[in-house]
Amino acid sequence: MSHLRAGFRRHPVLSTLFVLALLAALIFAARTARDAMGWDQRFAHAPEVAGWMTPRYVARSWQVPPEVVQDALGLDPGDGRRTTIAELAAERGQPAATLADALERDLSAWIEAQP
């Protein structure tokens, strides 16, 4: 223990930098372990569904199969249109926020049902 104190006294700047680097390494290791173990929820970082988003963008950002979004929106499989949520809502005569909220509920329910 006296060797450590002597080292800190002789090289205070290097010792401080070493401790900070060690602390940073431990923080990054803990974050990596947390992500690898799946401690955070799968959709915790998914953005809110907005009117400008396309169904494909929603599927990718929520990390769900495209078929799940198509089913939730009542779209035909393989429909190649690049329609936004706002355009779909306008076609159905409802506000985009209502359709977006319903889609978020459906996606959250699907994700919760996954093992």
PDB file of N, CA and C in Angstrom:
ATOM      1  N   MET A   1       0.819  -1.185   0.000  1.00  0.00           N
ATOM      2  CA  MET A   1       0.000   0.000   0.000  1.00  0.00           C
ATOM      3  C   MET A   1       0.871   1.260   0.000  1.00  0.00           C
ATOM      4  N   SER A   2       2.013   1.177   0.644  1.00  0.00           N
ATOM      5  CA  SER A   2       2.900   2.339   0.670  1.00  0.00           C
ATOM      6  C   SER A   2       3.475   2.633  -0.709  1.00  0.00           C
ATOM      7  N   HIS A   3       3.626   1.594  -1.533  1.00  0.00           N
ATOM      8  CA  HIS A   3       4.111   1.803  -2.901  1.00  0.00           C
ATOM      9  C   HIS A   3       3.109   2.621  -3.719  1.00  0.00           C
ATOM     10  N   LEU A   4       1.811   2.358  -3.507  1.00  0.00           N
ATOM     11  CA  LEU A   4       0.795   3.109  -4.226  1.00  0.00           C
ATOM     12  C   LEU A   4       0.794   4.576  -3.818  1.00  0.00           C
ATOM     13  N   ARG A   5       0.883   4.816  -2.534  1.00  0.00           N
ATOM     14  CA  ARG A   5       0.924   6.206  -2.063  1.00  0.00           C
ATOM     15  C   ARG A   5       2.149   6.931  -2.600  1.00  0.00           C
ATOM     16  N   ALA A   6       3.274   6.255  -2.598  1.00  0.00           N
ATOM     17  CA  ALA A   6       4.502   6.874  -3.107  1.00  0.00           C
ATOM     18  C   ALA A   6       4.357   7.181  -4.600  1.00  0.00           C
ATOM     19  N   GLY A   7       3.752   6.278  -5.325  1.00  0.00           N
ATOM     20  CA  GLY A   7       3.524   6.503  -6.757  1.00  0.00           C
ATOM     21  C   GLY A   7       2.604   7.677  -7.008  1.00  0.00           C
ATOM     22  N   PHE A   8       1.546   7.773  -6.197  1.00  0.00           N
ATOM     23  CA  PHE A   8       0.626   8.901  -6.352  1.00  0.00           C
ATOM     24  C   PHE A   8       1.309  10.223  -5.999  1.00  0.00           C
ATOM     25  N   ARG A   9       2.198  10.198  -5.017  1.00  0.00           N
ATOM     26  CA  ARG A   9       2.890  11.430  -4.634  1.00  0.00           C
ATOM     27  C   ARG A   9       3.896  11.853  -5.705  1.00  0.00           C
ATOM     28  N   ARG A  10       4.587  10.871  -6.289  1.00  0.00           N
ATOM     29  CA  ARG A  10       5.603  11.182  -7.292  1.00  0.00           C
ATOM     30  C   ARG A  10       5.005  11.613  -8.625  1.00  0.00           C
ATOM     31  N   HIS A  11       3.870  11.010  -8.985  1.00  0.00           N
ATOM     32  CA  HIS A  11       3.254  11.271 -10.298  1.00  0.00           C
ATOM     33  C   HIS A  11       1.755  11.550 -10.123  1.00  0.00           C
ATOM     34  N   PRO A  12       1.399  12.682  -9.573  1.00  0.00           N
ATOM     35  CA  PRO A  12      -0.020  12.944  -9.297  1.00  0.00           C
ATOM     36  C   PRO A  12      -0.874  13.078 -10.566  1.00  0.00           C
ATOM     37  N   VAL A  13      -0.349  13.686 -11.588  1.00  0.00           N
ATOM     38  CA  VAL A  13      -1.131  13.869 -12.820  1.00  0.00           C
ATOM     39  C   VAL A  13      -1.343  12.530 -13.515  1.00  0.00           C
ATOM     40  N   LEU A  14      -0.278  11.767 -13.682  1.00  0.00           N
ATOM     41  CA  LEU A  14      -0.412  10.458 -14.326  1.00  0.00           C
ATOM     42  C   LEU A  14      -1.311   9.534 -13.523  1.00  0.00           C
ATOM     43  N   SER A  15      -1.193   9.579 -12.218  1.00  0.00           N
ATOM     44  CA  SER A  15      -2.026   8.730 -11.368  1.00  0.00           C
ATOM     45  C   SER A  15      -3.499   9.102 -11.511  1.00  0.00           C
ATOM     46  N   THR A  16      -3.777  10.388 -11.543  1.00  0.00           N
ATOM     47  CA  THR A  16      -5.160  10.841 -11.710  1.00  0.00           C
ATOM     48  C   THR A  16      -5.703  10.427 -13.070  1.00  0.00           C
ATOM     49  N   LEU A  17      -4.917  10.592 -14.109  1.00  0.00           N
ATOM     50  CA  LEU A  17      -5.344  10.176 -15.449  1.00  0.00           C
ATOM     51  C   LEU A  17      -5.572   8.673 -15.523  1.00  0.00           C
ATOM     52  N   PHE A  18      -4.734   7.915 -14.848  1.00  0.00           N
ATOM     53  CA  PHE A  18      -4.899   6.460 -14.832  1.00  0.00           C
ATOM     54  C   PHE A  18      -6.208   6.080 -14.140  1.00  0.00           C
ATOM     55  N   VAL A  19      -6.504   6.702 -13.029  1.00  0.00           N
ATOM     56  CA  VAL A  19      -7.740   6.402 -12.308  1.00  0.00           C
ATOM     57  C   VAL A  19      -8.950   6.784 -13.158  1.00  0.00           C
ATOM     58  N   LEU A  20      -8.902   7.922 -13.828  1.00  0.00           N
ATOM     59  CA  LEU A  20     -10.007   8.332 -14.698  1.00  0.00           C
ATOM     60  C   LEU A  20     -10.188   7.375 -15.867  1.00  0.00           C
ATOM     61  N   ALA A  21      -9.097   6.938 -16.466  1.00  0.00           N
ATOM     62  CA  ALA A  21      -9.177   5.975 -17.576  1.00  0.00           C
ATOM     63  C   ALA A  21      -9.749   4.646 -17.097  1.00  0.00           C
ATOM     64  N   LEU A  22      -9.350   4.213 -15.920  1.00  0.00           N
ATOM     65  CA  LEU A  22      -9.872   2.968 -15.351  1.00  0.00           C
ATOM     66  C   LEU A  22     -11.369   3.095 -15.076  1.00  0.00           C
ATOM     67  N   LEU A  23     -11.792   4.219 -14.548  1.00  0.00           N
ATOM     68  CA  LEU A  23     -13.208   4.455 -14.283  1.00  0.00           C
ATOM     69  C   LEU A  23     -14.014   4.454 -15.582  1.00  0.00           C
ATOM     70  N   ALA A  24     -13.500   5.116 -16.614  1.00  0.00           N
ATOM     71  CA  ALA A  24     -14.185   5.134 -17.911  1.00  0.00           C
ATOM     72  C   ALA A  24     -14.297   3.725 -18.486  1.00  0.00           C
ATOM     73  N   ALA A  25     -13.242   2.942 -18.374  1.00  0.00           N
ATOM     74  CA  ALA A  25     -13.277   1.568 -18.877  1.00  0.00           C
ATOM     75  C   ALA A  25     -14.326   0.742 -18.133  1.00  0.00           C
ATOM     76  N   LEU A  26     -14.430   0.926 -16.839  1.00  0.00           N
ATOM     77  CA  LEU A  26     -15.435   0.187 -16.064  1.00  0.00           C
ATOM     78  C   LEU A  26     -16.854   0.604 -16.455  1.00  0.00           C
ATOM     79  N   ILE A  27     -17.056   1.882 -16.697  1.00  0.00           N
ATOM     80  CA  ILE A  27     -18.386   2.348 -17.106  1.00  0.00           C
ATOM     81  C   ILE A  27     -18.767   1.763 -18.460  1.00  0.00           C
ATOM     82  N   PHE A  28     -17.842   1.804 -19.413  1.00  0.00           N
ATOM     83  CA  PHE A  28     -18.142   1.246 -20.736  1.00  0.00           C
ATOM     84  C   PHE A  28     -18.333  -0.263 -20.678  1.00  0.00           C
ATOM     85  N   ALA A  29     -17.591  -0.950 -19.848  1.00  0.00           N
ATOM     86  CA  ALA A  29     -17.765  -2.395 -19.695  1.00  0.00           C
ATOM     87  C   ALA A  29     -19.141  -2.707 -19.115  1.00  0.00           C
ATOM     88  N   ALA A  30     -19.575  -1.934 -18.127  1.00  0.00           N
ATOM     89  CA  ALA A  30     -20.888  -2.153 -17.533  1.00  0.00           C
ATOM     90  C   ALA A  30     -22.003  -1.894 -18.542  1.00  0.00           C
ATOM     91  N   ARG A  31     -21.863  -0.847 -19.341  1.00  0.00           N
ATOM     92  CA  ARG A  31     -22.873  -0.550 -20.357  1.00  0.00           C
ATOM     93  C   ARG A  31     -22.922  -1.649 -21.415  1.00  0.00           C
ATOM     94  N   THR A  32     -21.761  -2.142 -21.814  1.00  0.00           N
ATOM     95  CA  THR A  32     -21.713  -3.210 -22.806  1.00  0.00           C
ATOM     96  C   THR A  32     -22.361  -4.474 -22.256  1.00  0.00           C
ATOM     97  N   ALA A  33     -22.069  -4.805 -21.012  1.00  0.00           N
ATOM     98  CA  ALA A  33     -22.667  -5.990 -20.390  1.00  0.00           C
ATOM     99  C   ALA A  33     -24.181  -5.838 -20.292  1.00  0.00           C
ATOM    100  N   ARG A  34     -24.646  -4.646 -19.921  1.00  0.00           N
ATOM    101  CA  ARG A  34     -26.088  -4.404 -19.821  1.00  0.00           C
ATOM    102  C   ARG A  34     -26.759  -4.598 -21.176  1.00  0.00           C
ATOM    103  N   ASP A  35     -26.168  -4.042 -22.222  1.00  0.00           N
ATOM    104  CA  ASP A  35     -26.750  -4.175 -23.559  1.00  0.00           C
ATOM    105  C   ASP A  35     -26.702  -5.613 -24.046  1.00  0.00           C
ATOM    106  N   ALA A  36     -25.625  -6.312 -23.766  1.00  0.00           N
ATOM    107  CA  ALA A  36     -25.485  -7.691 -24.218  1.00  0.00           C
ATOM    108  C   ALA A  36     -26.470  -8.608 -23.510  1.00  0.00           C
ATOM    109  N   MET A  37     -26.773  -8.316 -22.269  1.00  0.00           N
ATOM    110  CA  MET A  37     -27.695  -9.156 -21.506  1.00  0.00           C
ATOM    111  C   MET A  37     -29.148  -8.790 -21.758  1.00  0.00           C
ATOM    112  N   GLY A  38     -29.383  -7.679 -22.445  1.00  0.00           N
ATOM    113  CA  GLY A  38     -30.747  -7.289 -22.752  1.00  0.00           C
ATOM    114  C   GLY A  38     -31.480  -6.709 -21.562  1.00  0.00           C
ATOM    115  N   TRP A  39     -30.769  -6.075 -20.640  1.00  0.00           N
ATOM    116  CA  TRP A  39     -31.427  -5.501 -19.472  1.00  0.00           C
ATOM    117  C   TRP A  39     -32.331  -4.349 -19.842  1.00  0.00           C
ATOM    118  N   ASP A  40     -31.996  -3.629 -20.906  1.00  0.00           N
ATOM    119  CA  ASP A  40     -32.889  -2.556 -21.309  1.00  0.00           C
ATOM    120  C   ASP A  40     -33.981  -3.161 -22.181  1.00  0.00           C
ATOM    121  N   GLN A  41     -35.114  -2.532 -22.179  1.00  0.00           N
ATOM    122  CA  GLN A  41     -36.232  -3.057 -22.945  1.00  0.00           C
ATOM    123  C   GLN A  41     -35.944  -2.917 -24.426  1.00  0.00           C
ATOM    124  N   ARG A  42     -36.504  -3.829 -25.175  1.00  0.00           N
ATOM    125  CA  ARG A  42     -36.223  -3.867 -26.596  1.00  0.00           C
ATOM    126  C   ARG A  42     -36.673  -2.596 -27.313  1.00  0.00           C
ATOM    127  N   PHE A  43     -37.787  -2.042 -26.909  1.00  0.00           N
ATOM    128  CA  PHE A  43     -38.307  -0.878 -27.605  1.00  0.00           C
ATOM    129  C   PHE A  43     -38.160   0.398 -26.790  1.00  0.00           C
ATOM    130  N   ALA A  44     -37.288   0.396 -25.806  1.00  0.00           N
ATOM    131  CA  ALA A  44     -37.136   1.572 -24.949  1.00  0.00           C
ATOM    132  C   ALA A  44     -36.647   2.792 -25.733  1.00  0.00           C
ATOM    133  N   HIS A  45     -35.923   2.573 -26.805  1.00  0.00           N
ATOM    134  CA  HIS A  45     -35.372   3.690 -27.566  1.00  0.00           C
ATOM    135  C   HIS A  45     -36.147   3.964 -28.846  1.00  0.00           C
ATOM    136  N   ALA A  46     -37.270   3.289 -29.009  1.00  0.00           N
ATOM    137  CA  ALA A  46     -38.063   3.503 -30.214  1.00  0.00           C
ATOM    138  C   ALA A  46     -38.708   4.888 -30.156  1.00  0.00           C
ATOM    139  N   PRO A  47     -38.642   5.618 -31.246  1.00  0.00           N
ATOM    140  CA  PRO A  47     -39.243   6.958 -31.246  1.00  0.00           C
ATOM    141  C   PRO A  47     -40.769   6.870 -31.285  1.00  0.00           C
ATOM    142  N   GLU A  48     -41.400   7.935 -30.871  1.00  0.00           N
ATOM    143  CA  GLU A  48     -42.851   7.996 -31.003  1.00  0.00           C
ATOM    144  C   GLU A  48     -43.203   7.971 -32.485  1.00  0.00           C
ATOM    145  N   VAL A  49     -44.291   7.308 -32.801  1.00  0.00           N
ATOM    146  CA  VAL A  49     -44.741   7.274 -34.191  1.00  0.00           C
ATOM    147  C   VAL A  49     -45.278   8.657 -34.543  1.00  0.00           C
ATOM    148  N   ALA A  50     -44.788   9.198 -35.645  1.00  0.00           N
ATOM    149  CA  ALA A  50     -45.196  10.531 -36.093  1.00  0.00           C
ATOM    150  C   ALA A  50     -45.787  10.441 -37.498  1.00  0.00           C
ATOM    151  N   GLY A  51     -46.487  11.474 -37.878  1.00  0.00           N
ATOM    152  CA  GLY A  51     -47.164  11.483 -39.170  1.00  0.00           C
ATOM    153  C   GLY A  51     -46.246  11.399 -40.367  1.00  0.00           C
ATOM    154  N   TRP A  52     -45.024  11.868 -40.254  1.00  0.00           N
ATOM    155  CA  TRP A  52     -44.102  11.868 -41.389  1.00  0.00           C
ATOM    156  C   TRP A  52     -43.491  10.494 -41.651  1.00  0.00           C
ATOM    157  N   MET A  53     -43.636   9.569 -40.721  1.00  0.00           N
ATOM    158  CA  MET A  53     -42.996   8.249 -40.852  1.00  0.00           C
ATOM    159  C   MET A  53     -43.767   7.357 -41.821  1.00  0.00           C
ATOM    160  N   THR A  54     -43.009   6.528 -42.523  1.00  0.00           N
ATOM    161  CA  THR A  54     -43.633   5.503 -43.364  1.00  0.00           C
ATOM    162  C   THR A  54     -43.749   4.220 -42.545  1.00  0.00           C
ATOM    163  N   PRO A  55     -44.625   3.300 -42.945  1.00  0.00           N
ATOM    164  CA  PRO A  55     -44.725   2.040 -42.212  1.00  0.00           C
ATOM    165  C   PRO A  55     -43.385   1.294 -42.145  1.00  0.00           C
ATOM    166  N   ARG A  56     -42.609   1.346 -43.210  1.00  0.00           N
ATOM    167  CA  ARG A  56     -41.309   0.677 -43.207  1.00  0.00           C
ATOM    168  C   ARG A  56     -40.371   1.297 -42.175  1.00  0.00           C
ATOM    169  N   TYR A  57     -40.380   2.627 -42.080  1.00  0.00           N
ATOM    170  CA  TYR A  57     -39.538   3.305 -41.100  1.00  0.00           C
ATOM    171  C   TYR A  57     -39.963   2.931 -39.682  1.00  0.00           C
ATOM    172  N   VAL A  58     -41.254   2.860 -39.446  1.00  0.00           N
ATOM    173  CA  VAL A  58     -41.760   2.481 -38.125  1.00  0.00           C
ATOM    174  C   VAL A  58     -41.295   1.066 -37.782  1.00  0.00           C
ATOM    175  N   ALA A  59     -41.401   0.149 -38.736  1.00  0.00           N
ATOM    176  CA  ALA A  59     -40.988  -1.238 -38.484  1.00  0.00           C
ATOM    177  C   ALA A  59     -39.508  -1.318 -38.136  1.00  0.00           C
ATOM    178  N   ARG A  60     -38.690  -0.568 -38.840  1.00  0.00           N
ATOM    179  CA  ARG A  60     -37.242  -0.602 -38.561  1.00  0.00           C
ATOM    180  C   ARG A  60     -36.901   0.069 -37.240  1.00  0.00           C
ATOM    181  N   SER A  61     -37.513   1.207 -36.952  1.00  0.00           N
ATOM    182  CA  SER A  61     -37.171   1.915 -35.722  1.00  0.00           C
ATOM    183  C   SER A  61     -37.704   1.207 -34.487  1.00  0.00           C
ATOM    184  N   TRP A  62     -38.796   0.479 -34.609  1.00  0.00           N
ATOM    185  CA  TRP A  62     -39.338  -0.277 -33.483  1.00  0.00           C
ATOM    186  C   TRP A  62     -38.793  -1.706 -33.453  1.00  0.00           C
ATOM    187  N   GLN A  63     -38.016  -2.084 -34.453  1.00  0.00           N
ATOM    188  CA  GLN A  63     -37.399  -3.404 -34.542  1.00  0.00           C
ATOM    189  C   GLN A  63     -38.442  -4.521 -34.512  1.00  0.00           C
ATOM    190  N   VAL A  64     -39.446  -4.376 -35.362  1.00  0.00           N
ATOM    191  CA  VAL A  64     -40.474  -5.401 -35.514  1.00  0.00           C
ATOM    192  C   VAL A  64     -40.537  -5.786 -36.984  1.00  0.00           C
ATOM    193  N   PRO A  65     -41.045  -6.983 -37.287  1.00  0.00           N
ATOM    194  CA  PRO A  65     -41.198  -7.366 -38.691  1.00  0.00           C
ATOM    195  C   PRO A  65     -42.179  -6.431 -39.407  1.00  0.00           C
ATOM    196  N   PRO A  66     -41.935  -6.145 -40.673  1.00  0.00           N
ATOM    197  CA  PRO A  66     -42.836  -5.250 -41.420  1.00  0.00           C
ATOM    198  C   PRO A  66     -44.287  -5.737 -41.442  1.00  0.00           C
ATOM    199  N   GLU A  67     -44.463  -7.038 -41.386  1.00  0.00           N
ATOM    200  CA  GLU A  67     -45.819  -7.598 -41.417  1.00  0.00           C
ATOM    201  C   GLU A  67     -46.634  -7.152 -40.207  1.00  0.00           C
ATOM    202  N   VAL A  68     -45.967  -6.958 -39.082  1.00  0.00           N
ATOM    203  CA  VAL A  68     -46.665  -6.526 -37.861  1.00  0.00           C
ATOM    204  C   VAL A  68     -47.238  -5.125 -38.061  1.00  0.00           C
ATOM    205  N   VAL A  69     -46.453  -4.235 -38.657  1.00  0.00           N
ATOM    206  CA  VAL A  69     -46.925  -2.870 -38.911  1.00  0.00           C
ATOM    207  C   VAL A  69     -48.023  -2.897 -39.967  1.00  0.00           C
ATOM    208  N   GLN A  70     -47.856  -3.704 -41.012  1.00  0.00           N
ATOM    209  CA  GLN A  70     -48.877  -3.802 -42.054  1.00  0.00           C
ATOM    210  C   GLN A  70     -50.192  -4.293 -41.482  1.00  0.00           C
ATOM    211  N   ASP A  71     -50.123  -5.312 -40.623  1.00  0.00           N
ATOM    212  CA  ASP A  71     -51.353  -5.827 -40.008  1.00  0.00           C
ATOM    213  C   ASP A  71     -52.001  -4.785 -39.107  1.00  0.00           C
ATOM    214  N   ALA A  72     -51.192  -4.071 -38.336  1.00  0.00           N
ATOM    215  CA  ALA A  72     -51.730  -3.061 -37.421  1.00  0.00           C
ATOM    216  C   ALA A  72     -52.396  -1.920 -38.180  1.00  0.00           C
ATOM    217  N   LEU A  73     -51.877  -1.606 -39.353  1.00  0.00           N
ATOM    218  CA  LEU A  73     -52.444  -0.521 -40.153  1.00  0.00           C
ATOM    219  C   LEU A  73     -53.497  -1.004 -41.146  1.00  0.00           C
ATOM    220  N   GLY A  74     -53.656  -2.317 -41.273  1.00  0.00           N
ATOM    221  CA  GLY A  74     -54.630  -2.859 -42.216  1.00  0.00           C
ATOM    222  C   GLY A  74     -54.202  -2.716 -43.658  1.00  0.00           C
ATOM    223  N   LEU A  75     -52.895  -2.790 -43.916  1.00  0.00           N
ATOM    224  CA  LEU A  75     -52.375  -2.671 -45.276  1.00  0.00           C
ATOM    225  C   LEU A  75     -52.221  -4.041 -45.906  1.00  0.00           C
ATOM    226  N   ASP A  76     -52.292  -4.081 -47.227  1.00  0.00           N
ATOM    227  CA  ASP A  76     -52.072  -5.328 -47.946  1.00  0.00           C
ATOM    228  C   ASP A  76     -50.585  -5.645 -47.971  1.00  0.00           C
ATOM    229  N   PRO A  77     -50.221  -6.925 -47.787  1.00  0.00           N
ATOM    230  CA  PRO A  77     -48.798  -7.276 -47.871  1.00  0.00           C
ATOM    231  C   PRO A  77     -48.261  -6.971 -49.268  1.00  0.00           C
ATOM    232  N   GLY A  78     -47.060  -6.453 -49.315  1.00  0.00           N
ATOM    233  CA  GLY A  78     -46.423  -6.168 -50.589  1.00  0.00           C
ATOM    234  C   GLY A  78     -46.889  -4.886 -51.240  1.00  0.00           C
ATOM    235  N   ASP A  79     -47.699  -4.097 -50.539  1.00  0.00           N
ATOM    236  CA  ASP A  79     -48.124  -2.815 -51.089  1.00  0.00           C
ATOM    237  C   ASP A  79     -46.898  -1.914 -51.142  1.00  0.00           C
ATOM    238  N   GLY A  80     -46.439  -1.589 -52.343  1.00  0.00           N
ATOM    239  CA  GLY A  80     -45.191  -0.869 -52.517  1.00  0.00           C
ATOM    240  C   GLY A  80     -45.281   0.635 -52.359  1.00  0.00           C
ATOM    241  N   ARG A  81     -46.423   1.146 -51.967  1.00  0.00           N
ATOM    242  CA  ARG A  81     -46.557   2.596 -51.826  1.00  0.00           C
ATOM    243  C   ARG A  81     -45.691   3.107 -50.682  1.00  0.00           C
ATOM    244  N   ARG A  82     -45.130   4.282 -50.879  1.00  0.00           N
ATOM    245  CA  ARG A  82     -44.371   4.951 -49.808  1.00  0.00           C
ATOM    246  C   ARG A  82     -45.298   5.981 -49.169  1.00  0.00           C
ATOM    247  N   THR A  83     -46.263   5.488 -48.456  1.00  0.00           N
ATOM    248  CA  THR A  83     -47.267   6.337 -47.844  1.00  0.00           C
ATOM    249  C   THR A  83     -46.880   6.616 -46.404  1.00  0.00           C
ATOM    250  N   THR A  84     -47.062   7.836 -45.978  1.00  0.00           N
ATOM    251  CA  THR A  84     -46.759   8.181 -44.587  1.00  0.00           C
ATOM    252  C   THR A  84     -47.975   7.885 -43.708  1.00  0.00           C
ATOM    253  N   ILE A  85     -47.741   7.901 -42.414  1.00  0.00           N
ATOM    254  CA  ILE A  85     -48.830   7.693 -41.461  1.00  0.00           C
ATOM    255  C   ILE A  85     -49.881   8.796 -41.619  1.00  0.00           C
ATOM    256  N   ALA A  86     -49.438  10.028 -41.855  1.00  0.00           N
ATOM    257  CA  ALA A  86     -50.369  11.144 -42.035  1.00  0.00           C
ATOM    258  C   ALA A  86     -51.234  10.947 -43.280  1.00  0.00           C
ATOM    259  N   GLU A  87     -50.642  10.462 -44.363  1.00  0.00           N
ATOM    260  CA  GLU A  87     -51.415  10.217 -45.588  1.00  0.00           C
ATOM    261  C   GLU A  87     -52.425   9.096 -45.386  1.00  0.00           C
ATOM    262  N   LEU A  88     -52.016   8.034 -44.676  1.00  0.00           N
ATOM    263  CA  LEU A  88     -52.952   6.948 -44.386  1.00  0.00           C
ATOM    264  C   LEU A  88     -54.107   7.445 -43.529  1.00  0.00           C
ATOM    265  N   ALA A  89     -53.800   8.274 -42.539  1.00  0.00           N
ATOM    266  CA  ALA A  89     -54.852   8.812 -41.677  1.00  0.00           C
ATOM    267  C   ALA A  89     -55.806   9.699 -42.471  1.00  0.00           C
ATOM    268  N   ALA A  90     -55.263  10.509 -43.369  1.00  0.00           N
ATOM    269  CA  ALA A  90     -56.113  11.384 -44.187  1.00  0.00           C
ATOM    270  C   ALA A  90     -57.035  10.563 -45.090  1.00  0.00           C
ATOM    271  N   GLU A  91     -56.524   9.466 -45.650  1.00  0.00           N
ATOM    272  CA  GLU A  91     -57.345   8.586 -46.476  1.00  0.00           C
ATOM    273  C   GLU A  91     -58.496   7.989 -45.671  1.00  0.00           C
ATOM    274  N   ARG A  92     -58.257   7.772 -44.378  1.00  0.00           N
ATOM    275  CA  ARG A  92     -59.263   7.162 -43.512  1.00  0.00           C
ATOM    276  C   ARG A  92     -60.122   8.197 -42.799  1.00  0.00           C
ATOM    277  N   GLY A  93     -59.805   9.459 -42.999  1.00  0.00           N
ATOM    278  CA  GLY A  93     -60.599  10.521 -42.399  1.00  0.00           C
ATOM    279  C   GLY A  93     -60.426  10.660 -40.899  1.00  0.00           C
ATOM    280  N   GLN A  94     -59.233  10.410 -40.418  1.00  0.00           N
ATOM    281  CA  GLN A  94     -58.970  10.551 -38.990  1.00  0.00           C
ATOM    282  C   GLN A  94     -57.670  11.332 -38.785  1.00  0.00           C
ATOM    283  N   PRO A  95     -57.479  11.894 -37.601  1.00  0.00           N
ATOM    284  CA  PRO A  95     -56.230  12.618 -37.343  1.00  0.00           C
ATOM    285  C   PRO A  95     -55.032  11.670 -37.331  1.00  0.00           C
ATOM    286  N   ALA A  96     -53.895  12.177 -37.766  1.00  0.00           N
ATOM    287  CA  ALA A  96     -52.679  11.360 -37.800  1.00  0.00           C
ATOM    288  C   ALA A  96     -52.277  10.919 -36.398  1.00  0.00           C
ATOM    289  N   ALA A  97     -52.495  11.763 -35.408  1.00  0.00           N
ATOM    290  CA  ALA A  97     -52.131  11.417 -34.030  1.00  0.00           C
ATOM    291  C   ALA A  97     -52.926  10.218 -33.530  1.00  0.00           C
ATOM    292  N   THR A  98     -54.186  10.119 -33.934  1.00  0.00           N
ATOM    293  CA  THR A  98     -55.019   8.987 -33.518  1.00  0.00           C
ATOM    294  C   THR A  98     -54.485   7.686 -34.107  1.00  0.00           C
ATOM    295  N   LEU A  99     -54.157   7.715 -35.393  1.00  0.00           N
ATOM    296  CA  LEU A  99     -53.619   6.520 -36.042  1.00  0.00           C
ATOM    297  C   LEU A  99     -52.251   6.161 -35.459  1.00  0.00           C
ATOM    298  N   ALA A 100     -51.431   7.161 -35.192  1.00  0.00           N
ATOM    299  CA  ALA A 100     -50.107   6.915 -34.614  1.00  0.00           C
ATOM    300  C   ALA A 100     -50.213   6.302 -33.222  1.00  0.00           C
ATOM    301  N   ASP A 101     -51.125   6.814 -32.407  1.00  0.00           N
ATOM    302  CA  ASP A 101     -51.314   6.263 -31.057  1.00  0.00           C
ATOM    303  C   ASP A 101     -51.791   4.816 -31.116  1.00  0.00           C
ATOM    304  N   ALA A 102     -52.738   4.540 -32.009  1.00  0.00           N
ATOM    305  CA  ALA A 102     -53.241   3.168 -32.153  1.00  0.00           C
ATOM    306  C   ALA A 102     -52.121   2.231 -32.609  1.00  0.00           C
ATOM    307  N   LEU A 103     -51.292   2.701 -33.534  1.00  0.00           N
ATOM    308  CA  LEU A 103     -50.177   1.888 -34.019  1.00  0.00           C
ATOM    309  C   LEU A 103     -49.180   1.619 -32.894  1.00  0.00           C
ATOM    310  N   GLU A 104     -48.869   2.635 -32.095  1.00  0.00           N
ATOM    311  CA  GLU A 104     -47.953   2.439 -30.964  1.00  0.00           C
ATOM    312  C   GLU A 104     -48.504   1.415 -29.983  1.00  0.00           C
ATOM    313  N   ARG A 105     -49.795   1.485 -29.690  1.00  0.00           N
ATOM    314  CA  ARG A 105     -50.406   0.503 -28.776  1.00  0.00           C
ATOM    315  C   ARG A 105     -50.293  -0.909 -29.338  1.00  0.00           C
ATOM    316  N   ASP A 106     -50.579  -1.062 -30.642  1.00  0.00           N
ATOM    317  CA  ASP A 106     -50.497  -2.383 -31.259  1.00  0.00           C
ATOM    318  C   ASP A 106     -49.063  -2.924 -31.250  1.00  0.00           C
ATOM    319  N   LEU A 107     -48.101  -2.059 -31.557  1.00  0.00           N
ATOM    320  CA  LEU A 107     -46.702  -2.492 -31.568  1.00  0.00           C
ATOM    321  C   LEU A 107     -46.224  -2.842 -30.167  1.00  0.00           C
ATOM    322  N   SER A 108     -46.597  -2.051 -29.179  1.00  0.00           N
ATOM    323  CA  SER A 108     -46.215  -2.346 -27.794  1.00  0.00           C
ATOM    324  C   SER A 108     -46.808  -3.668 -27.338  1.00  0.00           C
ATOM    325  N   ALA A 109     -48.062  -3.908 -27.695  1.00  0.00           N
ATOM    326  CA  ALA A 109     -48.698  -5.177 -27.329  1.00  0.00           C
ATOM    327  C   ALA A 109     -48.003  -6.353 -27.997  1.00  0.00           C
ATOM    328  N   TRP A 110     -47.624  -6.201 -29.264  1.00  0.00           N
ATOM    329  CA  TRP A 110     -46.932  -7.281 -29.969  1.00  0.00           C
ATOM    330  C   TRP A 110     -45.576  -7.562 -29.328  1.00  0.00           C
ATOM    331  N   ILE A 111     -44.853  -6.498 -28.996  1.00  0.00           N
ATOM    332  CA  ILE A 111     -43.525  -6.678 -28.381  1.00  0.00           C
ATOM    333  C   ILE A 111     -43.649  -7.344 -27.021  1.00  0.00           C
ATOM    334  N   GLU A 112     -44.631  -6.930 -26.230  1.00  0.00           N
ATOM    335  CA  GLU A 112     -44.827  -7.528 -24.898  1.00  0.00           C
ATOM    336  C   GLU A 112     -45.167  -9.012 -25.001  1.00  0.00           C
ATOM    337  N   ALA A 113     -45.858  -9.397 -26.092  1.00  0.00           N
ATOM    338  CA  ALA A 113     -46.262 -10.790 -26.261  1.00  0.00           C
ATOM    339  C   ALA A 113     -45.121 -11.698 -26.686  1.00  0.00           C
ATOM    340  N   GLN A 114     -43.995 -11.110 -27.096  1.00  0.00           N
ATOM    341  CA  GLN A 114     -42.861 -11.911 -27.552  1.00  0.00           C
ATOM    342  C   GLN A 114     -42.125 -12.499 -26.345  1.00  0.00           C
ATOM    343  N   PRO A 115     -41.626 -13.731 -26.497  1.00  0.00           N
ATOM    344  CA  PRO A 115     -40.889 -14.353 -25.382  1.00  0.00           C
ATOM    345  C   PRO A 115     -39.555 -13.700 -25.130  1.00  0.00           C
TER     346      PRO A 115
END
